[in-house]
N, C-alpha and C. Protein backbone atom coordinates (compact mmCIF):
# COMPACT_ATOMS: atom_id res chain seq x y z
N MET A 1 -3.75 5.60 27.48
CA MET A 1 -4.95 6.27 27.01
C MET A 1 -6.16 5.58 27.63
N LEU A 2 -7.01 6.32 28.27
CA LEU A 2 -8.19 5.79 28.91
C LEU A 2 -9.39 5.88 27.96
N ILE A 3 -10.16 4.82 27.93
CA ILE A 3 -11.38 4.80 27.13
C ILE A 3 -12.55 4.69 28.09
N ASP A 4 -13.50 5.62 28.00
CA ASP A 4 -14.63 5.55 28.92
C ASP A 4 -15.53 4.37 28.56
N LEU A 5 -16.37 3.98 29.50
CA LEU A 5 -17.21 2.80 29.36
C LEU A 5 -18.16 2.92 28.17
N ALA A 6 -18.76 4.07 27.96
CA ALA A 6 -19.69 4.26 26.84
C ALA A 6 -18.98 4.06 25.51
N SER A 7 -17.76 4.58 25.39
CA SER A 7 -17.00 4.40 24.14
C SER A 7 -16.68 2.94 23.93
N ARG A 8 -16.30 2.26 24.99
CA ARG A 8 -15.96 0.83 24.88
C ARG A 8 -17.18 0.02 24.45
N GLN A 9 -18.36 0.36 24.99
CA GLN A 9 -19.57 -0.36 24.61
C GLN A 9 -19.91 -0.14 23.15
N ARG A 10 -19.67 1.09 22.63
CA ARG A 10 -19.90 1.36 21.21
C ARG A 10 -18.95 0.52 20.36
N VAL A 11 -17.70 0.42 20.76
CA VAL A 11 -16.72 -0.38 20.02
C VAL A 11 -17.12 -1.85 20.07
N ASP A 12 -17.53 -2.35 21.25
CA ASP A 12 -17.97 -3.74 21.37
C ASP A 12 -19.15 -4.03 20.46
N ALA A 13 -20.09 -3.08 20.38
CA ALA A 13 -21.26 -3.27 19.52
C ALA A 13 -20.84 -3.37 18.05
N LEU A 14 -19.84 -2.60 17.66
CA LEU A 14 -19.36 -2.65 16.28
C LEU A 14 -18.63 -3.95 15.98
N GLU A 15 -18.00 -4.54 16.98
CA GLU A 15 -17.21 -5.74 16.79
C GLU A 15 -18.01 -7.03 16.91
N ARG A 16 -19.24 -6.96 17.39
CA ARG A 16 -20.04 -8.18 17.57
C ARG A 16 -20.29 -8.84 16.23
N ARG A 17 -20.19 -10.14 16.24
CA ARG A 17 -20.42 -10.90 15.02
C ARG A 17 -21.89 -11.27 14.88
N VAL A 18 -22.34 -11.38 13.64
CA VAL A 18 -23.74 -11.63 13.32
C VAL A 18 -23.90 -13.03 12.75
N VAL A 19 -24.88 -13.76 13.31
CA VAL A 19 -25.21 -15.09 12.83
C VAL A 19 -26.68 -15.09 12.43
N ILE A 20 -26.96 -15.59 11.23
CA ILE A 20 -28.34 -15.74 10.77
C ILE A 20 -28.67 -17.23 10.85
N ILE A 21 -29.78 -17.55 11.51
CA ILE A 21 -30.22 -18.93 11.64
C ILE A 21 -31.54 -19.08 10.88
N VAL A 22 -31.55 -19.99 9.91
CA VAL A 22 -32.73 -20.21 9.08
C VAL A 22 -33.26 -21.61 9.39
N GLU A 23 -34.40 -21.67 10.08
CA GLU A 23 -34.98 -22.94 10.55
C GLU A 23 -36.48 -22.76 10.64
N ASP A 24 -37.24 -23.71 10.07
CA ASP A 24 -38.70 -23.58 10.08
C ASP A 24 -39.37 -24.15 11.32
N ASP A 25 -38.68 -24.96 12.11
CA ASP A 25 -39.24 -25.48 13.36
C ASP A 25 -39.07 -24.41 14.44
N PRO A 26 -40.18 -23.83 14.93
CA PRO A 26 -40.07 -22.71 15.87
C PRO A 26 -39.34 -23.05 17.17
N ARG A 27 -39.55 -24.25 17.70
CA ARG A 27 -38.86 -24.62 18.95
C ARG A 27 -37.36 -24.77 18.74
N LEU A 28 -36.97 -25.40 17.66
CA LEU A 28 -35.55 -25.57 17.36
C LEU A 28 -34.92 -24.22 17.04
N LEU A 29 -35.62 -23.38 16.29
CA LEU A 29 -35.12 -22.04 15.98
C LEU A 29 -34.87 -21.26 17.26
N GLN A 30 -35.79 -21.35 18.21
CA GLN A 30 -35.63 -20.63 19.48
C GLN A 30 -34.44 -21.17 20.27
N ALA A 31 -34.31 -22.50 20.34
CA ALA A 31 -33.18 -23.10 21.07
C ALA A 31 -31.84 -22.72 20.43
N MET A 32 -31.78 -22.78 19.11
CA MET A 32 -30.55 -22.42 18.41
C MET A 32 -30.23 -20.94 18.60
N SER A 33 -31.23 -20.09 18.49
CA SER A 33 -31.04 -18.65 18.67
C SER A 33 -30.58 -18.32 20.07
N ASP A 34 -31.19 -18.94 21.07
CA ASP A 34 -30.79 -18.71 22.46
C ASP A 34 -29.35 -19.12 22.71
N SER A 35 -28.96 -20.26 22.14
CA SER A 35 -27.59 -20.74 22.37
C SER A 35 -26.57 -19.83 21.70
N VAL A 36 -26.87 -19.34 20.52
CA VAL A 36 -25.94 -18.43 19.82
C VAL A 36 -25.90 -17.08 20.53
N ALA A 37 -27.04 -16.59 20.99
CA ALA A 37 -27.06 -15.33 21.74
C ALA A 37 -26.24 -15.47 23.01
N GLY A 38 -26.27 -16.65 23.63
CA GLY A 38 -25.47 -16.91 24.82
C GLY A 38 -23.97 -16.91 24.55
N MET A 39 -23.58 -16.96 23.29
CA MET A 39 -22.18 -16.90 22.90
C MET A 39 -21.74 -15.45 22.65
N ASN A 40 -22.58 -14.49 23.02
CA ASN A 40 -22.33 -13.07 22.85
C ASN A 40 -22.24 -12.69 21.37
N LEU A 41 -23.12 -13.28 20.58
CA LEU A 41 -23.22 -13.00 19.15
C LEU A 41 -24.60 -12.42 18.88
N ASP A 42 -24.70 -11.60 17.86
CA ASP A 42 -26.01 -11.10 17.44
C ASP A 42 -26.66 -12.16 16.56
N VAL A 43 -27.91 -12.47 16.86
CA VAL A 43 -28.63 -13.53 16.15
C VAL A 43 -29.83 -12.93 15.43
N PHE A 44 -30.00 -13.35 14.18
CA PHE A 44 -31.16 -12.95 13.40
C PHE A 44 -31.84 -14.23 12.92
N PRO A 45 -32.94 -14.62 13.58
CA PRO A 45 -33.65 -15.84 13.18
C PRO A 45 -34.54 -15.60 11.97
N ALA A 46 -34.65 -16.62 11.14
CA ALA A 46 -35.53 -16.57 9.97
C ALA A 46 -36.21 -17.92 9.82
N LYS A 47 -37.50 -17.91 9.50
CA LYS A 47 -38.25 -19.16 9.36
C LYS A 47 -38.33 -19.65 7.92
N HIS A 48 -37.90 -18.82 6.97
CA HIS A 48 -37.98 -19.22 5.57
C HIS A 48 -36.95 -18.45 4.74
N TYR A 49 -36.85 -18.83 3.49
CA TYR A 49 -35.86 -18.31 2.55
C TYR A 49 -35.93 -16.79 2.42
N ASP A 50 -37.12 -16.24 2.18
CA ASP A 50 -37.25 -14.80 1.95
C ASP A 50 -36.81 -13.98 3.16
N ALA A 51 -37.15 -14.43 4.36
CA ALA A 51 -36.71 -13.72 5.56
C ALA A 51 -35.19 -13.77 5.69
N ALA A 52 -34.59 -14.89 5.32
CA ALA A 52 -33.13 -15.00 5.36
C ALA A 52 -32.48 -14.02 4.40
N ILE A 53 -33.04 -13.89 3.20
CA ILE A 53 -32.51 -12.95 2.21
C ILE A 53 -32.60 -11.52 2.74
N ARG A 54 -33.73 -11.17 3.35
CA ARG A 54 -33.87 -9.82 3.92
C ARG A 54 -32.80 -9.56 4.97
N HIS A 55 -32.54 -10.55 5.84
CA HIS A 55 -31.48 -10.39 6.85
C HIS A 55 -30.12 -10.25 6.19
N LEU A 56 -29.84 -11.08 5.20
CA LEU A 56 -28.54 -11.03 4.52
C LEU A 56 -28.31 -9.68 3.84
N GLU A 57 -29.33 -9.18 3.18
CA GLU A 57 -29.19 -7.93 2.43
C GLU A 57 -29.08 -6.73 3.37
N GLY A 58 -29.53 -6.88 4.60
CA GLY A 58 -29.59 -5.73 5.50
C GLY A 58 -28.42 -5.55 6.44
N ARG A 59 -27.48 -6.48 6.49
CA ARG A 59 -26.39 -6.35 7.48
C ARG A 59 -25.19 -7.20 7.10
N ARG A 60 -24.07 -6.86 7.67
CA ARG A 60 -22.86 -7.67 7.50
C ARG A 60 -23.04 -8.94 8.32
N THR A 61 -22.85 -10.07 7.68
CA THR A 61 -23.09 -11.36 8.31
C THR A 61 -21.79 -12.14 8.42
N HIS A 62 -21.60 -12.81 9.55
CA HIS A 62 -20.37 -13.57 9.79
C HIS A 62 -20.56 -15.07 9.63
N LEU A 63 -21.81 -15.55 9.74
CA LEU A 63 -22.09 -16.98 9.58
C LEU A 63 -23.59 -17.16 9.34
N VAL A 64 -23.91 -18.15 8.51
CA VAL A 64 -25.32 -18.51 8.29
C VAL A 64 -25.48 -19.98 8.59
N CYS A 65 -26.49 -20.30 9.38
CA CYS A 65 -26.86 -21.69 9.65
C CYS A 65 -28.21 -21.90 8.97
N VAL A 66 -28.27 -22.86 8.05
CA VAL A 66 -29.49 -23.02 7.26
C VAL A 66 -29.97 -24.47 7.27
N ASP A 67 -31.27 -24.64 7.52
CA ASP A 67 -31.92 -25.94 7.42
C ASP A 67 -32.10 -26.24 5.93
N ILE A 68 -31.70 -27.41 5.51
CA ILE A 68 -31.82 -27.79 4.11
C ILE A 68 -33.29 -27.94 3.71
N GLY A 69 -34.13 -28.43 4.62
CA GLY A 69 -35.54 -28.70 4.31
C GLY A 69 -36.47 -27.57 4.67
N LEU A 70 -36.30 -26.40 4.07
CA LEU A 70 -37.19 -25.27 4.33
C LEU A 70 -38.50 -25.46 3.57
N PRO A 71 -39.60 -24.86 4.05
CA PRO A 71 -40.89 -25.08 3.41
C PRO A 71 -41.07 -24.40 2.04
N ASP A 72 -40.48 -23.24 1.85
CA ASP A 72 -40.72 -22.52 0.60
C ASP A 72 -39.68 -22.82 -0.47
N ARG A 73 -38.43 -22.60 -0.16
CA ARG A 73 -37.31 -22.91 -1.06
C ARG A 73 -36.28 -23.63 -0.21
N SER A 74 -35.49 -24.45 -0.82
CA SER A 74 -34.57 -25.28 -0.04
C SER A 74 -33.38 -24.49 0.49
N GLY A 75 -32.77 -25.02 1.52
CA GLY A 75 -31.55 -24.45 2.04
C GLY A 75 -30.42 -24.49 1.02
N TYR A 76 -30.47 -25.48 0.13
CA TYR A 76 -29.47 -25.54 -0.95
C TYR A 76 -29.57 -24.28 -1.81
N GLU A 77 -30.79 -23.84 -2.07
CA GLU A 77 -30.99 -22.64 -2.89
C GLU A 77 -30.43 -21.40 -2.19
N LEU A 78 -30.58 -21.34 -0.86
CA LEU A 78 -30.01 -20.22 -0.12
C LEU A 78 -28.49 -20.24 -0.21
N CYS A 79 -27.90 -21.42 -0.07
CA CYS A 79 -26.44 -21.54 -0.22
C CYS A 79 -26.01 -21.06 -1.59
N GLU A 80 -26.71 -21.50 -2.63
CA GLU A 80 -26.37 -21.12 -4.00
C GLU A 80 -26.52 -19.61 -4.20
N TYR A 81 -27.57 -19.04 -3.63
CA TYR A 81 -27.77 -17.59 -3.70
C TYR A 81 -26.57 -16.87 -3.09
N MET A 82 -26.18 -17.29 -1.90
CA MET A 82 -25.05 -16.64 -1.23
C MET A 82 -23.77 -16.77 -2.03
N ARG A 83 -23.50 -17.95 -2.55
CA ARG A 83 -22.24 -18.17 -3.27
C ARG A 83 -22.23 -17.49 -4.64
N SER A 84 -23.40 -17.12 -5.15
CA SER A 84 -23.45 -16.44 -6.44
C SER A 84 -23.18 -14.94 -6.31
N ARG A 85 -23.11 -14.45 -5.09
CA ARG A 85 -22.85 -13.02 -4.86
C ARG A 85 -21.53 -12.87 -4.12
N SER A 86 -20.66 -12.06 -4.68
CA SER A 86 -19.32 -11.93 -4.13
C SER A 86 -19.31 -11.41 -2.69
N VAL A 87 -20.29 -10.60 -2.32
CA VAL A 87 -20.31 -10.05 -0.97
C VAL A 87 -20.49 -11.15 0.09
N PHE A 88 -21.10 -12.27 -0.28
CA PHE A 88 -21.32 -13.37 0.67
C PHE A 88 -20.37 -14.54 0.42
N GLY A 89 -19.47 -14.41 -0.52
CA GLY A 89 -18.62 -15.52 -0.94
C GLY A 89 -17.80 -16.16 0.16
N ARG A 90 -17.39 -15.39 1.16
CA ARG A 90 -16.53 -15.93 2.21
C ARG A 90 -17.28 -16.16 3.53
N VAL A 91 -18.58 -15.95 3.55
CA VAL A 91 -19.37 -16.16 4.76
C VAL A 91 -19.55 -17.67 4.95
N PRO A 92 -19.12 -18.21 6.09
CA PRO A 92 -19.29 -19.65 6.33
C PRO A 92 -20.77 -20.02 6.43
N ILE A 93 -21.10 -21.19 5.90
CA ILE A 93 -22.47 -21.70 5.95
C ILE A 93 -22.46 -23.07 6.61
N LEU A 94 -23.26 -23.21 7.67
CA LEU A 94 -23.48 -24.50 8.32
C LEU A 94 -24.86 -24.99 7.91
N ALA A 95 -24.91 -26.08 7.17
CA ALA A 95 -26.19 -26.67 6.76
C ALA A 95 -26.61 -27.69 7.81
N THR A 96 -27.91 -27.76 8.05
CA THR A 96 -28.45 -28.78 8.95
C THR A 96 -29.54 -29.54 8.19
N GLY A 97 -29.70 -30.80 8.53
CA GLY A 97 -30.73 -31.58 7.86
C GLY A 97 -31.01 -32.88 8.56
N GLU A 98 -32.15 -33.46 8.23
CA GLU A 98 -32.58 -34.70 8.85
C GLU A 98 -31.97 -35.93 8.19
N TYR A 99 -31.40 -35.75 7.01
CA TYR A 99 -30.80 -36.87 6.29
C TYR A 99 -29.32 -36.55 6.09
N GLY A 100 -28.48 -37.52 6.32
CA GLY A 100 -27.04 -37.30 6.22
C GLY A 100 -26.36 -38.29 5.30
N THR A 101 -26.98 -38.59 4.19
CA THR A 101 -26.36 -39.52 3.25
C THR A 101 -25.20 -38.82 2.56
N SER A 102 -24.36 -39.61 1.92
CA SER A 102 -23.24 -39.02 1.20
C SER A 102 -23.75 -38.10 0.09
N HIS A 103 -24.91 -38.42 -0.49
CA HIS A 103 -25.50 -37.55 -1.51
C HIS A 103 -25.87 -36.20 -0.90
N ASP A 104 -26.48 -36.20 0.29
CA ASP A 104 -26.86 -34.94 0.96
C ASP A 104 -25.63 -34.09 1.26
N LEU A 105 -24.57 -34.73 1.75
CA LEU A 105 -23.34 -34.01 2.06
C LEU A 105 -22.73 -33.42 0.79
N ALA A 106 -22.71 -34.22 -0.28
CA ALA A 106 -22.14 -33.74 -1.54
C ALA A 106 -22.98 -32.60 -2.11
N GLN A 107 -24.30 -32.70 -2.03
CA GLN A 107 -25.16 -31.64 -2.55
C GLN A 107 -24.98 -30.35 -1.73
N ALA A 108 -24.85 -30.48 -0.42
CA ALA A 108 -24.63 -29.30 0.43
C ALA A 108 -23.30 -28.65 0.07
N GLU A 109 -22.27 -29.45 -0.12
CA GLU A 109 -20.96 -28.91 -0.48
C GLU A 109 -21.02 -28.24 -1.84
N TYR A 110 -21.67 -28.87 -2.79
CA TYR A 110 -21.80 -28.33 -4.14
C TYR A 110 -22.54 -26.99 -4.12
N ALA A 111 -23.54 -26.88 -3.26
CA ALA A 111 -24.32 -25.64 -3.15
C ALA A 111 -23.54 -24.54 -2.45
N GLY A 112 -22.48 -24.91 -1.71
CA GLY A 112 -21.65 -23.90 -1.07
C GLY A 112 -21.54 -23.98 0.44
N ALA A 113 -22.15 -24.98 1.06
CA ALA A 113 -22.05 -25.11 2.52
C ALA A 113 -20.64 -25.53 2.92
N ASN A 114 -20.22 -25.04 4.08
CA ASN A 114 -18.90 -25.37 4.62
C ASN A 114 -18.95 -26.51 5.62
N GLY A 115 -20.12 -26.83 6.12
CA GLY A 115 -20.27 -27.89 7.10
C GLY A 115 -21.71 -28.39 7.10
N PHE A 116 -21.89 -29.58 7.69
CA PHE A 116 -23.21 -30.19 7.73
C PHE A 116 -23.40 -30.82 9.09
N LEU A 117 -24.53 -30.52 9.73
CA LEU A 117 -24.85 -31.07 11.05
C LEU A 117 -26.17 -31.83 10.93
N LEU A 118 -26.13 -33.11 11.26
CA LEU A 118 -27.29 -33.97 11.15
C LEU A 118 -28.22 -33.79 12.34
N LYS A 119 -29.52 -33.64 12.05
CA LYS A 119 -30.54 -33.55 13.09
C LYS A 119 -30.97 -34.95 13.50
N PRO A 120 -31.38 -35.15 14.71
CA PRO A 120 -31.33 -34.21 15.83
C PRO A 120 -29.91 -34.09 16.36
N PHE A 121 -29.58 -32.94 16.89
CA PHE A 121 -28.24 -32.70 17.44
C PHE A 121 -28.37 -32.06 18.81
N ALA A 122 -27.34 -32.23 19.61
CA ALA A 122 -27.29 -31.59 20.92
C ALA A 122 -26.93 -30.12 20.71
N ILE A 123 -27.54 -29.25 21.48
CA ILE A 123 -27.27 -27.82 21.35
C ILE A 123 -25.79 -27.53 21.62
N ARG A 124 -25.18 -28.27 22.54
CA ARG A 124 -23.74 -28.09 22.81
C ARG A 124 -22.92 -28.37 21.55
N LYS A 125 -23.29 -29.41 20.83
CA LYS A 125 -22.60 -29.75 19.59
C LYS A 125 -22.78 -28.62 18.57
N PHE A 126 -23.99 -28.07 18.50
CA PHE A 126 -24.28 -26.97 17.59
C PHE A 126 -23.41 -25.75 17.92
N THR A 127 -23.33 -25.39 19.21
CA THR A 127 -22.53 -24.22 19.57
C THR A 127 -21.05 -24.45 19.30
N LEU A 128 -20.58 -25.67 19.48
CA LEU A 128 -19.19 -25.96 19.13
C LEU A 128 -18.94 -25.81 17.63
N CYS A 129 -19.89 -26.22 16.82
CA CYS A 129 -19.79 -26.04 15.37
C CYS A 129 -19.72 -24.56 15.03
N ILE A 130 -20.62 -23.79 15.61
CA ILE A 130 -20.67 -22.35 15.33
C ILE A 130 -19.35 -21.70 15.72
N GLN A 131 -18.88 -21.99 16.93
CA GLN A 131 -17.63 -21.38 17.39
C GLN A 131 -16.46 -21.77 16.50
N SER A 132 -16.40 -23.03 16.14
CA SER A 132 -15.33 -23.52 15.28
C SER A 132 -15.34 -22.81 13.93
N MET A 133 -16.50 -22.64 13.34
CA MET A 133 -16.59 -22.00 12.03
C MET A 133 -16.27 -20.51 12.12
N LEU A 134 -16.62 -19.88 13.22
CA LEU A 134 -16.32 -18.46 13.39
C LEU A 134 -14.85 -18.20 13.70
N ASP A 135 -14.21 -19.15 14.35
CA ASP A 135 -12.81 -18.94 14.74
C ASP A 135 -11.94 -18.65 13.53
N GLY A 136 -11.96 -19.53 12.54
CA GLY A 136 -11.21 -19.30 11.32
C GLY A 136 -9.72 -19.14 11.50
N ARG A 137 -9.16 -19.49 12.64
CA ARG A 137 -7.74 -19.31 12.90
C ARG A 137 -6.89 -20.37 12.23
N ARG A 138 -7.52 -21.43 11.79
CA ARG A 138 -6.75 -22.57 11.33
C ARG A 138 -6.54 -22.61 9.82
N GLY A 139 -6.86 -21.51 9.16
CA GLY A 139 -6.61 -21.44 7.72
C GLY A 139 -7.42 -22.46 6.95
N ARG A 140 -6.78 -23.25 6.09
CA ARG A 140 -7.47 -24.19 5.22
C ARG A 140 -7.63 -25.57 5.85
N THR A 141 -7.33 -25.71 7.13
CA THR A 141 -7.59 -27.00 7.76
C THR A 141 -9.08 -27.15 7.98
N SER A 142 -9.48 -28.26 8.52
CA SER A 142 -10.89 -28.53 8.77
C SER A 142 -11.17 -28.39 10.26
N PRO A 143 -11.52 -27.19 10.73
CA PRO A 143 -11.68 -26.99 12.16
C PRO A 143 -12.75 -27.86 12.79
N MET A 144 -13.87 -28.10 12.11
CA MET A 144 -14.90 -28.93 12.72
C MET A 144 -14.50 -30.39 12.70
N ARG A 145 -13.78 -30.81 11.68
CA ARG A 145 -13.31 -32.19 11.65
C ARG A 145 -12.31 -32.41 12.80
N ASP A 146 -11.41 -31.45 13.01
CA ASP A 146 -10.47 -31.53 14.12
C ASP A 146 -11.21 -31.58 15.46
N LEU A 147 -12.23 -30.75 15.57
CA LEU A 147 -13.02 -30.72 16.80
C LEU A 147 -13.76 -32.03 17.01
N ALA A 148 -14.29 -32.59 15.94
CA ALA A 148 -14.99 -33.87 16.03
C ALA A 148 -14.06 -34.96 16.54
N LEU A 149 -12.87 -34.99 16.02
CA LEU A 149 -11.91 -36.01 16.47
C LEU A 149 -11.50 -35.77 17.91
N ALA A 150 -11.28 -34.52 18.27
CA ALA A 150 -10.86 -34.20 19.63
C ALA A 150 -11.92 -34.57 20.66
N HIS A 151 -13.19 -34.42 20.28
CA HIS A 151 -14.28 -34.69 21.23
C HIS A 151 -14.99 -36.00 20.96
N ARG A 152 -14.51 -36.75 19.98
CA ARG A 152 -15.07 -38.05 19.62
C ARG A 152 -16.55 -37.97 19.27
N PHE A 153 -16.94 -36.88 18.55
CA PHE A 153 -18.30 -36.76 18.09
C PHE A 153 -18.51 -37.68 16.91
N PRO A 154 -19.75 -38.09 16.65
CA PRO A 154 -20.03 -38.97 15.52
C PRO A 154 -19.86 -38.26 14.18
N ALA A 155 -20.05 -39.00 13.12
CA ALA A 155 -19.77 -38.54 11.77
C ALA A 155 -20.54 -37.30 11.36
N ASP A 156 -21.72 -37.07 11.93
CA ASP A 156 -22.51 -35.93 11.49
C ASP A 156 -21.90 -34.59 11.88
N PHE A 157 -20.80 -34.60 12.62
CA PHE A 157 -20.16 -33.37 13.05
C PHE A 157 -19.09 -32.94 12.06
N ALA A 158 -18.85 -33.73 11.04
CA ALA A 158 -17.78 -33.44 10.09
C ALA A 158 -18.10 -32.21 9.26
N ALA A 159 -17.06 -31.50 8.89
CA ALA A 159 -17.20 -30.34 8.02
C ALA A 159 -15.88 -30.10 7.33
N SER A 160 -15.82 -29.05 6.56
CA SER A 160 -14.60 -28.81 5.83
C SER A 160 -14.37 -27.33 5.62
N ALA A 161 -13.21 -27.01 5.10
CA ALA A 161 -12.88 -25.64 4.76
C ALA A 161 -13.72 -25.23 3.56
N PRO A 162 -13.77 -23.94 3.26
CA PRO A 162 -14.62 -23.49 2.15
C PRO A 162 -14.37 -24.26 0.86
N ARG A 163 -15.49 -24.70 0.26
CA ARG A 163 -15.54 -25.36 -1.03
C ARG A 163 -14.82 -26.69 -1.09
N GLU A 164 -14.55 -27.30 0.05
CA GLU A 164 -14.02 -28.66 0.08
C GLU A 164 -15.16 -29.58 0.49
N ALA A 165 -15.16 -30.80 0.03
CA ALA A 165 -16.24 -31.74 0.33
C ALA A 165 -16.30 -32.05 1.81
N ALA A 166 -17.50 -32.03 2.38
CA ALA A 166 -17.69 -32.45 3.75
C ALA A 166 -17.70 -33.98 3.77
N MET A 167 -16.91 -34.56 4.63
CA MET A 167 -16.77 -36.00 4.68
C MET A 167 -17.08 -36.49 6.08
N PRO A 168 -17.79 -37.60 6.19
CA PRO A 168 -18.04 -38.17 7.52
C PRO A 168 -16.71 -38.59 8.16
N VAL A 169 -16.66 -38.44 9.48
CA VAL A 169 -15.46 -38.81 10.21
C VAL A 169 -15.82 -39.93 11.17
N SER A 170 -15.04 -40.98 11.21
CA SER A 170 -15.31 -42.04 12.17
C SER A 170 -14.83 -41.60 13.54
N ALA A 171 -15.46 -42.08 14.58
CA ALA A 171 -15.10 -41.73 15.95
C ALA A 171 -13.96 -42.59 16.42
N ALA A 172 -12.86 -42.56 15.74
CA ALA A 172 -11.68 -43.39 15.98
C ALA A 172 -11.35 -43.61 17.42
């Protein structure tokens, strides 16, 4: 059965995954958005909590990356909002923040984040996190933790499966 190019493009458009990036630093938001767009994903940038909610309510979302230190409401609150609604219950959340204490990691996990990336981070590390979280092929294992060990990334690359505590990983 032959499928014409226009039909294939329509199918590809339907299959594209959507990533929402919530970051108040315009330069970092642009760099993160460009890198995710380069992964052939649809990107919806948001500079604050309310814009993120509008994006979430308006489309099927496959992953959310949220800065914990937003100016209006915290990224923790966005995580809690998402986890309180069944439609977003299985959407992976990557939290980013300038502080990576065990308290910050525990609070992010408690709020519903699946992973935590400490700022500043390399864009390559960010894209690896995004790809790992979107893959989802590994079931309940910790894909970002496995990736961190494989690439010898520092502890801030650690993450976990849904609703499991994010734990720092040593660069063994």
